[in-house]
Amino acid sequence: MTVTDAATTAPFDAVLIGGGHNALVTAGYLARAGLKVAVAEARHVVGGACVTEEFWPGFHNSSCSYLVGLLAPEVIRDLDLPRHGLRILERDGGVMSALPGGGALELTADAQATRRSIEQFSRADAGEYERLSADLDVVSDTVRRLVRVIPPEIDAGLSGIPAALRTARALRSLPRRLRPLLNELMFNSLGGFLDARFESDAFKGLYGVKGLVGNMVSTRSSGSAYVLLHHVFGEVNGKRGKWGQPLGGMGAITQAMRNHLESRGGAVLTGRAVREVLVEKGRAKGVVLSDGARLDARLVISGVTPKLLFERLLDPNWVPDEVARRIRGWRCRSGTFRMNVAISELPDFVARPGTQLQRHHNGTVYVAPSLDYLDAAHDDARHRGYARKPIVSVMIPTVLDDTLAPEGTHIASLFCQHFNNELPGDESWDTLRDTAAERVIDTVTEVAPNFRRSVIGYKALSPLDLEREYGLTGGDIFHGEMHLDQLFSMRPGPGMAGHRTPVKGLYQCASGTHPGGGVTGLPGMNAARVILNDLRWRRVA
């Protein structure tokens, strides 16, 4: 459904601020329930950080998010995404750590090959990895239940008992012997968790990097192990623990969501930023767009970060003091630097020589040789703004999808840590971006010597670029740090864990709400459940 200027004044049942994937999920569920829905997106394309764009002439790739594995299967089913164009290709190459001196550690679906690879460094680690993997498979079932529970409000009193009971039921499903493991993953440091189980530096570096995706912390920080847990509950095409890529890049997910929404009569407005949430007598009444047009609606749902909503789009008079304090202290920093690189040939890794297609090219290759290396990158970012030797993950999407690049060429999709959104002195990311990008290219070239000379061109996204172009406050890919005081009933704060806000009829559905970041669709799905339940029980007009 194309929205004309005249139509923007017509009343809607619900207006969503921003067209990120979670907003499209919420919009899709509401439209499916028969509501008249509009999505207002500031950019020229919906999808937020889950988009496919041309980054170099003839080369297209996922701009920010780059792999799919956490997208909720019920979202795929309920919004009928395959019928609307989504096809997910499975990546079968596993993960490889390219080590200094030409060594490699590989974790793949081949259990015997994985055991042999780990035993190069430690026989004990090979057995411990198998035990931990089996335990995490069980823990992940509990996590799958928890991420679908609407958290109890910590200040709800007796009214919060049903939500607390649902949470307790989800936790009771975890066998008693594994409850200490879940507790460790929630409260321990990443380094402490790994040091207690493994002895090989190489293994701890490779396994530990999972806990630093979008997590700008030292591996010795309490609670830093949680992000490792956040990445274990996914599945692709019904296969648990798998990762894949959509045909056409990550934007194929959000384009399928848009197609579903429009097939249900939903309206999508691109290039139309929201300037203000309209509030009358404590109730949301719609939004004002940047061009002055007004969208009247009985429900307004925010798909942007909590700081954007409460500090830029709402009149401060409608934000209670305690909420304003919470949002002022909301930490947004993921330490992420994203690069898409057009290359003339596949990387020729010292550990696995050759530019012909090999298994590791169909997986993810990490430069993360030890916990000390991870912590040195973090210390550099804290004191200098960016890591001189960054943590880099290398993924080649064109080995599965040759439509993304001209024939005979490839794309290197690089996800890098640690890069601080706050720079020392008078430094600016506008002047440091290319310097930092060169560090990344140097780092990959150390383990794949042909990499630099294969570079045709690239686009780099610093934390500042992620904020300016994609609305990610502080460049935070999760809409807020996923640490214990910003999770579950505290995400984004007391009284708002259930997707509601202090303004009646104003809801939140993005990654700043439970269960947090990643392309899961779960915040959007959970928010839709809350909204439809409130409508059913007439809690909103």
Protein backbone atom coordinates (compact mmCIF):
# COMPACT_ATOMS: atom_id res chain seq x y z
CA MET A 1 0.00 0.00 0.00
CA THR A 2 1.53 3.31 -1.09
CA VAL A 3 0.71 6.22 1.19
CA THR A 4 -0.08 9.57 -0.38
CA ASP A 5 0.31 12.89 1.42
CA ALA A 6 -3.45 13.13 1.77
CA ALA A 7 -3.60 9.70 3.37
CA THR A 8 -1.12 10.61 6.08
CA THR A 9 -3.78 12.67 7.85
CA ALA A 10 -6.20 9.74 8.00
CA PRO A 11 -6.43 8.10 11.45
CA PHE A 12 -4.68 4.78 11.99
CA ASP A 13 -5.10 2.21 14.71
CA ALA A 14 -1.33 2.11 15.18
CA VAL A 15 1.68 4.09 13.95
CA LEU A 16 5.18 2.69 14.34
CA ILE A 17 8.21 4.92 14.69
CA GLY A 18 11.02 3.50 12.57
CA GLY A 19 11.03 0.58 10.17
CA GLY A 20 13.58 -1.73 11.76
CA HIS A 21 12.94 -5.45 11.73
CA ASN A 22 11.26 -5.50 15.15
CA ALA A 23 8.92 -2.66 14.19
CA LEU A 24 7.99 -4.54 11.03
CA VAL A 25 7.29 -7.65 13.11
CA THR A 26 5.00 -5.76 15.47
CA ALA A 27 3.30 -4.03 12.55
CA GLY A 28 2.85 -7.37 10.79
CA TYR A 29 1.16 -8.99 13.77
CA LEU A 30 -1.13 -5.99 14.33
CA ALA A 31 -2.12 -5.87 10.66
CA ARG A 32 -2.69 -9.63 10.76
CA ALA A 33 -5.13 -8.99 13.64
CA GLY A 34 -7.06 -6.51 11.48
CA LEU A 35 -5.64 -3.19 12.68
CA LYS A 36 -4.96 -0.30 10.32
CA VAL A 37 -1.20 0.17 10.62
CA ALA A 38 1.40 2.63 9.32
CA VAL A 39 5.20 2.50 9.62
CA ALA A 40 7.18 5.76 9.35
CA GLU A 41 10.87 5.27 8.46
CA ALA A 42 13.43 8.07 8.18
CA ARG A 43 15.64 6.32 5.62
CA HIS A 44 14.86 5.54 1.99
CA VAL A 45 14.44 1.84 2.82
CA VAL A 46 12.89 -0.08 5.69
CA GLY A 47 14.91 -2.56 7.70
CA GLY A 48 16.93 -0.42 10.11
CA ALA A 49 20.25 -2.21 10.62
CA CYS A 50 18.92 -5.29 8.78
CA VAL A 51 19.25 -4.10 5.17
CA THR A 52 21.06 -4.96 1.96
CA GLU A 53 22.64 -2.00 0.14
CA GLU A 54 25.19 -1.26 -2.56
CA PHE A 55 28.42 -0.32 -0.77
CA TRP A 56 30.70 -0.21 -3.85
CA PRO A 57 29.67 -0.02 -7.51
CA GLY A 58 28.26 -3.44 -8.41
CA PHE A 59 28.73 -4.88 -4.90
CA HIS A 60 25.79 -5.34 -2.52
CA ASN A 61 25.79 -6.74 1.00
CA SER A 62 24.15 -6.62 4.39
CA SER A 63 25.19 -3.22 5.73
CA CYS A 64 25.18 -3.92 9.47
CA SER A 65 23.75 -7.25 10.64
CA TYR A 66 25.32 -10.03 8.62
CA LEU A 67 24.13 -13.51 9.69
CA VAL A 68 20.77 -15.02 10.58
CA GLY A 69 20.42 -17.67 13.26
CA LEU A 70 18.33 -16.10 16.01
CA LEU A 71 15.24 -15.09 13.99
CA ALA A 72 12.28 -16.66 15.81
CA PRO A 73 10.75 -19.52 13.79
CA GLU A 74 7.24 -18.44 14.77
CA VAL A 75 7.88 -15.00 13.27
CA ILE A 76 8.95 -16.65 10.02
CA ARG A 77 5.84 -18.84 10.12
CA ASP A 78 3.24 -16.31 11.32
CA LEU A 79 4.30 -13.59 8.88
CA ASP A 80 4.65 -16.18 6.10
CA LEU A 81 8.09 -14.83 5.20
CA PRO A 82 9.08 -17.62 2.77
CA ARG A 83 5.99 -16.88 0.67
CA HIS A 84 7.02 -13.22 0.66
CA GLY A 85 10.51 -13.92 -0.65
CA LEU A 86 12.69 -15.11 2.23
CA ARG A 87 15.05 -18.01 1.57
CA ILE A 88 17.78 -18.80 4.09
CA LEU A 89 21.00 -20.47 2.91
CA GLU A 90 22.82 -22.56 5.51
CA ARG A 91 26.48 -21.87 6.17
CA ASP A 92 28.24 -25.19 6.79
CA GLY A 93 31.87 -24.14 7.20
CA GLY A 94 31.83 -23.75 10.98
CA VAL A 95 34.30 -21.36 12.59
CA MET A 96 38.08 -21.13 12.32
CA SER A 97 40.55 -19.15 14.39
CA ALA A 98 43.49 -18.06 12.22
CA LEU A 99 46.42 -18.02 14.65
CA PRO A 100 49.77 -16.20 14.58
CA GLY A 101 52.43 -18.30 12.90
CA GLY A 102 49.99 -20.04 10.59
CA GLY A 103 48.16 -22.36 12.98
CA ALA A 104 44.39 -22.83 13.08
CA LEU A 105 41.68 -24.06 15.40
CA GLU A 106 38.43 -25.19 13.78
CA LEU A 107 35.01 -25.97 15.27
CA THR A 108 32.72 -27.59 12.72
CA ALA A 109 29.71 -29.89 12.51
CA ASP A 110 32.16 -32.80 12.13
CA ALA A 111 32.61 -33.84 15.78
CA GLN A 112 35.68 -35.97 15.14
CA ALA A 113 37.43 -33.27 13.11
CA THR A 114 36.62 -30.72 15.81
CA ARG A 115 38.02 -32.98 18.52
CA ARG A 116 41.24 -33.48 16.56
CA SER A 117 41.58 -29.74 15.99
CA ILE A 118 41.17 -28.91 19.70
CA GLU A 119 43.51 -31.75 20.74
CA GLN A 120 46.34 -29.97 18.90
CA PHE A 121 46.26 -27.57 21.83
CA SER A 122 44.76 -29.58 24.69
CA ARG A 123 43.27 -33.06 25.01
CA ALA A 124 41.42 -31.98 28.14
CA ASP A 125 39.82 -29.05 26.31
CA ALA A 126 38.42 -31.36 23.63
CA GLY A 127 36.50 -33.38 26.22
CA GLU A 128 35.38 -30.30 28.15
CA TYR A 129 34.12 -28.66 24.96
CA GLU A 130 31.96 -31.69 24.19
CA ARG A 131 30.52 -31.69 27.73
CA LEU A 132 29.86 -27.94 27.73
CA SER A 133 28.26 -28.06 24.28
CA ALA A 134 25.88 -30.78 25.43
CA ASP A 135 24.97 -28.82 28.57
CA LEU A 136 24.45 -25.61 26.63
CA ASP A 137 22.07 -27.41 24.27
CA VAL A 138 19.88 -28.09 27.32
CA VAL A 139 20.30 -24.59 28.78
CA SER A 140 19.37 -23.07 25.43
CA ASP A 141 15.92 -24.70 25.69
CA THR A 142 15.32 -22.74 28.89
CA VAL A 143 16.65 -19.57 27.28
CA ARG A 144 14.23 -20.07 24.36
CA ARG A 145 11.38 -20.06 26.87
CA LEU A 146 12.67 -17.06 28.82
CA VAL A 147 13.09 -14.84 25.78
CA ARG A 148 9.41 -15.39 24.97
CA VAL A 149 8.19 -14.50 28.48
CA ILE A 150 7.03 -10.94 29.15
CA PRO A 151 9.19 -10.02 32.17
CA PRO A 152 7.48 -9.18 35.47
CA GLU A 153 7.63 -5.52 36.43
CA ILE A 154 9.74 -5.21 39.56
CA ASP A 155 7.43 -2.50 40.95
CA ALA A 156 4.15 -4.19 39.99
CA GLY A 157 3.17 -5.63 43.37
CA LEU A 158 0.41 -8.27 43.27
CA SER A 159 -0.38 -7.51 39.63
CA GLY A 160 3.06 -8.82 38.68
CA ILE A 161 2.47 -12.29 40.11
CA PRO A 162 1.23 -13.90 36.83
CA ALA A 163 4.34 -12.73 34.93
CA ALA A 164 6.58 -13.88 37.80
CA LEU A 165 4.92 -17.32 37.71
CA ARG A 166 5.45 -17.59 33.94
CA THR A 167 9.12 -16.78 34.47
CA ALA A 168 9.38 -19.35 37.24
CA ARG A 169 7.79 -22.02 35.03
CA ALA A 170 10.33 -21.30 32.28
CA LEU A 171 13.20 -21.63 34.77
CA ARG A 172 11.81 -24.83 36.31
CA SER A 173 12.28 -26.58 32.98
CA LEU A 174 16.06 -26.43 33.50
CA PRO A 175 17.43 -29.59 35.17
CA ARG A 176 18.66 -28.91 38.69
CA ARG A 177 22.22 -29.94 37.86
CA LEU A 178 22.48 -27.20 35.19
CA ARG A 179 21.14 -24.31 37.26
CA PRO A 180 24.63 -23.39 38.51
CA LEU A 181 25.77 -23.21 34.86
CA LEU A 182 22.99 -20.75 34.00
CA ASN A 183 23.88 -18.73 37.11
CA GLU A 184 27.54 -18.61 36.02
CA LEU A 185 26.65 -17.44 32.53
CA MET A 186 24.55 -14.65 34.01
CA PHE A 187 26.96 -13.41 36.67
CA ASN A 188 30.50 -14.57 35.91
CA SER A 189 33.04 -12.80 33.76
CA LEU A 190 33.70 -14.26 30.34
CA GLY A 191 37.35 -14.86 31.22
CA GLY A 192 36.48 -16.42 34.57
CA PHE A 193 33.93 -18.74 32.97
CA LEU A 194 36.42 -19.96 30.36
CA ASP A 195 39.47 -20.15 32.65
CA ALA A 196 37.57 -22.49 34.98
CA ARG A 197 36.97 -24.95 32.12
CA PHE A 198 39.71 -24.68 29.50
CA GLU A 199 43.49 -24.41 29.42
CA SER A 200 44.34 -23.54 25.81
CA ASP A 201 44.78 -19.86 24.93
CA ALA A 202 43.71 -20.57 21.37
CA PHE A 203 40.47 -22.23 22.40
CA LYS A 204 39.59 -19.55 24.97
CA GLY A 205 40.19 -16.82 22.40
CA LEU A 206 37.95 -18.43 19.78
CA TYR A 207 35.17 -19.40 22.18
CA GLY A 208 35.43 -16.14 24.09
CA VAL A 209 34.88 -13.96 21.04
CA LYS A 210 31.24 -15.12 21.00
CA GLY A 211 30.75 -13.24 24.25
CA LEU A 212 32.20 -10.01 22.85
CA VAL A 213 29.89 -9.55 19.86
CA GLY A 214 28.52 -6.06 20.43
CA ASN A 215 29.86 -6.16 23.98
CA MET A 216 32.58 -3.59 24.65
CA VAL A 217 33.92 -4.98 27.91
CA SER A 218 36.99 -6.64 29.28
CA THR A 219 36.74 -10.41 29.46
CA ARG A 220 37.30 -9.90 33.22
CA SER A 221 34.20 -7.77 33.75
CA SER A 222 31.51 -9.36 35.93
CA GLY A 223 28.48 -10.40 33.89
CA SER A 224 30.35 -10.33 30.59
CA ALA A 225 29.63 -14.04 29.97
CA TYR A 226 25.93 -13.33 29.32
CA VAL A 227 26.29 -12.36 25.64
CA LEU A 228 27.80 -15.80 25.04
CA LEU A 229 24.53 -17.25 26.35
CA HIS A 230 22.49 -14.87 24.18
CA HIS A 231 23.93 -16.45 21.04
CA VAL A 232 23.16 -20.12 21.79
CA PHE A 233 19.38 -20.29 21.34
CA GLY A 234 19.14 -19.89 17.58
CA GLU A 235 18.20 -22.15 14.70
CA VAL A 236 18.01 -22.05 10.90
CA ASN A 237 15.49 -23.95 8.79
CA GLY A 238 14.47 -25.97 11.85
CA LYS A 239 18.07 -26.97 12.69
CA ARG A 240 19.23 -25.78 16.10
CA GLY A 241 22.62 -24.19 16.51
CA LYS A 242 22.94 -23.40 12.81
CA TRP A 243 23.71 -20.04 11.21
CA GLY A 244 22.83 -18.93 7.71
CA GLN A 245 22.46 -16.01 5.36
CA PRO A 246 19.36 -14.94 3.45
CA LEU A 247 19.54 -15.07 -0.33
CA GLY A 248 20.01 -11.42 -1.27
CA GLY A 249 21.50 -10.41 2.08
CA MET A 250 19.89 -9.58 5.42
CA GLY A 251 17.65 -7.03 3.74
CA ALA A 252 15.72 -9.98 2.28
CA ILE A 253 14.32 -10.57 5.78
CA THR A 254 12.94 -7.07 6.18
CA GLN A 255 11.73 -6.83 2.59
CA ALA A 256 9.73 -10.01 3.16
CA MET A 257 8.33 -8.45 6.35
CA ARG A 258 7.38 -5.33 4.41
CA ASN A 259 5.72 -7.45 1.72
CA HIS A 260 3.68 -9.25 4.37
CA LEU A 261 2.63 -5.99 6.00
CA GLU A 262 1.54 -4.43 2.72
CA SER A 263 -0.34 -7.59 1.75
CA ARG A 264 -2.37 -7.04 4.94
CA GLY A 265 -3.13 -3.44 4.01
CA GLY A 266 -0.38 -1.85 6.10
CA ALA A 267 1.14 1.46 5.01
CA VAL A 268 4.90 2.02 4.74
CA LEU A 269 6.28 5.57 4.58
CA THR A 270 9.98 5.82 3.74
CA GLY A 271 11.97 9.04 3.87
CA ARG A 272 9.50 10.29 6.52
CA ALA A 273 11.21 10.70 9.88
CA VAL A 274 9.10 11.14 13.02
CA ARG A 275 9.74 14.49 14.68
CA GLU A 276 7.48 14.22 17.70
CA VAL A 277 5.08 11.92 19.54
CA LEU A 278 1.74 13.66 20.04
CA VAL A 279 0.47 13.37 23.60
CA GLU A 280 -2.80 14.78 24.94
CA LYS A 281 -3.86 14.41 28.56
CA GLY A 282 -1.25 11.72 29.13
CA ARG A 283 -2.29 9.62 26.14
CA ALA A 284 -0.49 9.13 22.81
CA LYS A 285 -2.53 10.44 19.91
CA GLY A 286 -0.18 10.00 16.96
CA VAL A 287 3.03 11.48 15.58
CA VAL A 288 4.26 14.50 13.66
CA LEU A 289 6.60 13.79 10.74
CA SER A 290 9.66 15.84 9.85
CA ASP A 291 7.76 17.55 7.04
CA GLY A 292 5.01 18.64 9.44
CA ALA A 293 2.45 16.02 8.39
CA ARG A 294 0.46 14.49 11.23
CA LEU A 295 -0.41 10.82 11.61
CA ASP A 296 -3.28 10.37 14.06
CA ALA A 297 -3.48 7.00 15.79
CA ARG A 298 -4.83 5.48 18.98
CA LEU A 299 -1.56 3.57 19.45
CA VAL A 300 2.03 4.71 18.91
CA ILE A 301 4.78 2.08 18.99
CA SER A 302 8.44 3.05 19.12
CA GLY A 303 10.91 1.00 17.09
CA VAL A 304 13.85 3.29 17.92
CA THR A 305 16.28 3.25 20.85
CA PRO A 306 14.99 4.24 24.30
CA LYS A 307 17.20 7.34 24.32
CA LEU A 308 15.80 8.54 21.01
CA LEU A 309 12.23 8.04 22.17
CA PHE A 310 12.43 9.63 25.60
CA GLU A 311 15.04 12.32 24.97
CA ARG A 312 14.15 13.50 21.45
CA LEU A 313 10.63 12.52 20.48
CA LEU A 314 8.68 13.07 23.69
CA ASP A 315 7.96 16.38 25.38
CA PRO A 316 9.92 16.22 28.69
CA ASN A 317 6.73 17.14 30.54
CA TRP A 318 5.38 13.66 29.77
CA VAL A 319 8.50 11.84 31.01
CA PRO A 320 8.47 11.18 34.79
CA ASP A 321 11.64 12.17 36.64
CA GLU A 322 12.57 8.58 37.49
CA VAL A 323 12.23 7.53 33.84
CA ALA A 324 14.29 10.52 32.69
CA ARG A 325 17.04 9.54 35.15
CA ARG A 326 16.99 5.94 33.97
CA ILE A 327 17.26 6.92 30.32
CA ARG A 328 20.04 9.45 31.02
CA GLY A 329 22.01 6.57 32.50
CA TRP A 330 21.11 4.09 29.75
CA ARG A 331 24.45 2.85 28.41
CA CYS A 332 24.78 2.57 24.64
CA ARG A 333 28.16 1.30 23.51
CA SER A 334 28.85 -1.93 21.65
CA GLY A 335 32.38 -1.21 20.38
CA THR A 336 31.43 -2.25 16.86
CA PHE A 337 33.12 -1.29 13.60
CA ARG A 338 31.56 -2.74 10.46
CA MET A 339 33.23 -3.12 7.05
CA ASN A 340 32.07 -4.47 3.71
CA VAL A 341 35.01 -5.05 1.37
CA ALA A 342 34.90 -5.78 -2.37
CA ILE A 343 37.70 -8.25 -3.18
CA SER A 344 39.05 -9.74 -6.39
CA GLU A 345 39.72 -13.22 -4.97
CA LEU A 346 39.09 -15.35 -1.90
CA PRO A 347 41.41 -14.83 1.08
CA ASP A 348 44.49 -17.08 1.00
CA PHE A 349 44.91 -17.94 4.68
CA VAL A 350 48.34 -19.03 5.84
CA ALA A 351 46.68 -21.77 7.89
CA ARG A 352 44.67 -23.06 4.92
CA PRO A 353 46.51 -21.96 1.73
CA GLY A 354 44.78 -21.36 -1.56
CA THR A 355 42.28 -19.00 -3.18
CA GLN A 356 40.14 -21.86 -4.44
CA LEU A 357 36.90 -22.40 -2.52
CA GLN A 358 37.46 -24.39 0.69
CA ARG A 359 35.28 -25.26 3.69
CA HIS A 360 36.48 -22.40 5.88
CA HIS A 361 35.43 -19.90 3.17
CA ASN A 362 31.86 -21.11 3.81
CA GLY A 363 32.16 -20.39 7.53
CA THR A 364 33.48 -17.60 9.71
CA VAL A 365 37.19 -16.96 10.25
CA TYR A 366 38.22 -15.10 13.41
CA VAL A 367 41.30 -13.18 14.38
CA ALA A 368 41.00 -13.71 18.14
CA PRO A 369 43.97 -15.81 19.25
CA SER A 370 43.66 -15.48 23.06
CA LEU A 371 41.85 -13.77 25.91
CA ASP A 372 44.88 -11.50 26.32
CA TYR A 373 44.44 -10.39 22.70
CA LEU A 374 40.75 -9.66 23.33
CA ASP A 375 41.56 -7.62 26.42
CA ALA A 376 44.35 -5.69 24.69
CA ALA A 377 41.84 -4.65 22.03
CA HIS A 378 39.45 -3.47 24.75
CA ASP A 379 42.17 -1.52 26.57
CA ASP A 380 43.23 0.17 23.33
CA ALA A 381 39.65 1.24 22.64
CA ARG A 382 39.24 2.65 26.13
CA HIS A 383 42.42 4.73 26.04
CA ARG A 384 43.01 5.42 22.32
CA GLY A 385 39.54 5.10 20.83
CA TYR A 386 40.13 2.00 18.76
CA ALA A 387 42.08 -1.26 18.82
CA ARG A 388 45.38 -1.19 17.00
CA LYS A 389 45.03 -4.99 16.73
CA PRO A 390 41.28 -5.44 16.48
CA ILE A 391 39.16 -8.54 16.90
CA VAL A 392 37.91 -9.38 13.40
CA SER A 393 35.43 -11.90 12.08
CA VAL A 394 35.62 -12.57 8.34
CA MET A 395 32.65 -13.95 6.43
CA ILE A 396 32.44 -14.36 2.63
CA PRO A 397 28.73 -14.24 1.67
CA THR A 398 29.42 -14.61 -2.06
CA VAL A 399 30.49 -18.25 -1.73
CA LEU A 400 26.78 -19.01 -1.28
CA ASP A 401 25.17 -16.07 -3.07
CA ASP A 402 26.97 -14.92 -6.21
CA THR A 403 24.24 -12.36 -6.97
CA LEU A 404 25.85 -9.94 -4.51
CA ALA A 405 28.99 -9.21 -6.57
CA PRO A 406 30.16 -9.15 -10.20
CA GLU A 407 31.23 -12.49 -11.65
CA GLY A 408 34.65 -13.64 -10.47
CA THR A 409 34.74 -11.32 -7.46
CA HIS A 410 33.73 -11.64 -3.81
CA ILE A 411 32.73 -9.73 -0.70
CA ALA A 412 34.46 -9.90 2.65
CA SER A 413 31.97 -9.03 5.38
CA LEU A 414 33.98 -7.91 8.42
CA PHE A 415 32.59 -7.49 11.92
CA CYS A 416 35.16 -5.85 14.19
CA GLN A 417 35.67 -5.05 17.89
CA HIS A 418 36.69 -2.88 19.85
CA PHE A 419 36.01 0.67 18.64
CA ASN A 420 34.83 3.28 21.09
CA ASN A 421 32.03 5.69 20.28
CA GLU A 422 33.76 8.16 22.62
CA LEU A 423 37.15 9.27 21.30
CA PRO A 424 39.91 10.99 23.31
CA GLY A 425 40.62 14.70 22.96
CA ASP A 426 39.43 16.38 19.78
CA GLU A 427 39.50 13.22 17.68
CA SER A 428 36.56 12.52 15.38
CA TRP A 429 35.40 9.34 13.68
CA ASP A 430 35.03 11.36 10.49
CA THR A 431 38.80 11.70 10.35
CA LEU A 432 39.74 8.40 12.01
CA ARG A 433 37.41 6.10 10.06
CA ASP A 434 39.84 5.23 7.28
CA THR A 435 42.79 4.93 9.66
CA ALA A 436 40.83 2.39 11.69
CA ALA A 437 39.77 0.60 8.49
CA GLU A 438 43.41 0.28 7.48
CA ARG A 439 44.15 -1.37 10.84
CA VAL A 440 41.43 -3.91 10.13
CA ILE A 441 42.80 -4.63 6.65
CA ASP A 442 46.30 -5.01 8.11
CA THR A 443 44.98 -7.44 10.72
CA VAL A 444 43.31 -9.67 8.13
CA THR A 445 46.37 -9.45 5.86
CA GLU A 446 48.56 -10.84 8.66
CA VAL A 447 46.64 -14.13 8.47
CA ALA A 448 45.74 -13.95 4.74
CA PRO A 449 48.67 -12.24 2.94
CA ASN A 450 46.77 -11.68 -0.33
CA PHE A 451 43.98 -9.77 1.34
CA ARG A 452 45.24 -6.20 0.95
CA ARG A 453 46.15 -6.55 -2.71
CA SER A 454 42.74 -8.14 -3.41
CA VAL A 455 40.84 -5.11 -2.08
CA ILE A 456 38.87 -3.32 -4.82
CA GLY A 457 37.09 -0.94 -2.47
CA TYR A 458 35.24 -0.86 0.84
CA LYS A 459 32.71 0.92 3.00
CA ALA A 460 33.45 1.28 6.70
CA LEU A 461 30.91 2.13 9.37
CA SER A 462 32.30 3.59 12.58
CA PRO A 463 30.20 3.87 15.77
CA LEU A 464 29.34 7.42 14.68
CA ASP A 465 28.21 6.22 11.24
CA LEU A 466 26.05 3.54 12.84
CA GLU A 467 24.38 6.24 14.91
CA ARG A 468 23.96 8.79 12.14
CA GLU A 469 22.88 6.47 9.34
CA TYR A 470 20.95 3.81 11.22
CA GLY A 471 19.77 5.51 14.42
CA LEU A 472 21.86 3.26 16.70
CA THR A 473 22.57 5.52 19.67
CA GLY A 474 26.28 5.35 20.51
CA GLY A 475 26.71 2.96 17.59
CA ASP A 476 25.20 0.26 19.82
CA ILE A 477 23.92 -2.61 17.68
CA PHE A 478 21.82 -3.86 20.63
CA HIS A 479 20.09 -0.49 21.39
CA GLY A 480 21.75 -0.59 24.82
CA GLU A 481 24.39 -2.69 26.57
CA MET A 482 23.20 -6.16 27.48
CA HIS A 483 24.51 -6.24 31.03
CA LEU A 484 22.65 -7.43 34.10
CA ASP A 485 21.27 -4.03 35.09
CA GLN A 486 19.91 -3.53 31.55
CA LEU A 487 18.27 -6.93 31.04
CA PHE A 488 14.92 -8.64 31.64
CA SER A 489 12.80 -6.62 34.12
CA MET A 490 15.26 -3.72 33.85
CA ARG A 491 15.16 -3.44 30.05
CA PRO A 492 14.81 -0.57 29.50
CA GLY A 493 13.78 0.20 33.07
CA PRO A 494 11.32 -0.31 35.94
CA GLY A 495 7.72 -0.16 34.79
CA MET A 496 8.66 -0.58 31.11
CA ALA A 497 9.78 -4.20 30.85
CA GLY A 498 6.36 -5.17 29.49
CA HIS A 499 6.81 -2.90 26.43
CA ARG A 500 4.56 -0.22 27.91
CA THR A 501 5.63 3.34 28.83
CA PRO A 502 4.35 5.95 31.29
CA VAL A 503 2.31 7.44 28.41
CA LYS A 504 -0.88 5.50 27.79
CA GLY A 505 -1.08 4.10 24.29
CA LEU A 506 2.69 4.47 23.75
CA TYR A 507 4.66 1.23 23.51
CA GLN A 508 8.20 0.11 22.69
CA CYS A 509 9.05 -2.86 20.46
CA ALA A 510 12.74 -2.58 19.53
CA SER A 511 15.94 -4.17 20.83
CA GLY A 512 16.03 -1.79 23.80
CA THR A 513 13.32 -4.03 25.27
CA HIS A 514 13.42 -7.67 26.37
CA PRO A 515 15.08 -9.91 25.27
CA GLY A 516 17.51 -7.48 23.62
CA GLY A 517 19.54 -7.26 20.44
CA GLY A 518 20.19 -9.41 17.42
CA VAL A 519 17.93 -10.14 14.48
CA THR A 520 15.45 -12.19 16.51
CA GLY A 521 12.11 -10.48 15.96
CA LEU A 522 11.33 -11.41 19.57
CA PRO A 523 10.96 -7.88 20.99
CA GLY A 524 8.58 -7.11 18.12
CA MET A 525 6.60 -10.31 18.60
CA ASN A 526 6.39 -9.92 22.38
CA ALA A 527 5.31 -6.28 22.05
CA ALA A 528 2.54 -7.26 19.66
CA ARG A 529 1.29 -9.83 22.19
CA VAL A 530 1.17 -7.16 24.91
CA ILE A 531 -0.59 -4.63 22.67
CA LEU A 532 -3.21 -7.04 21.39
CA ASN A 533 -3.86 -8.25 24.93
CA ASP A 534 -4.28 -4.66 26.13
CA LEU A 535 -6.75 -4.03 23.32
CA ARG A 536 -8.61 -7.21 24.16
CA TRP A 537 -8.99 -6.15 27.78
CA ARG A 538 -9.64 -2.50 26.85
CA ARG A 539 -6.55 -1.22 28.67
CA VAL A 540 -6.13 1.29 25.85
CA ALA A 541 -8.80 3.30 24.09
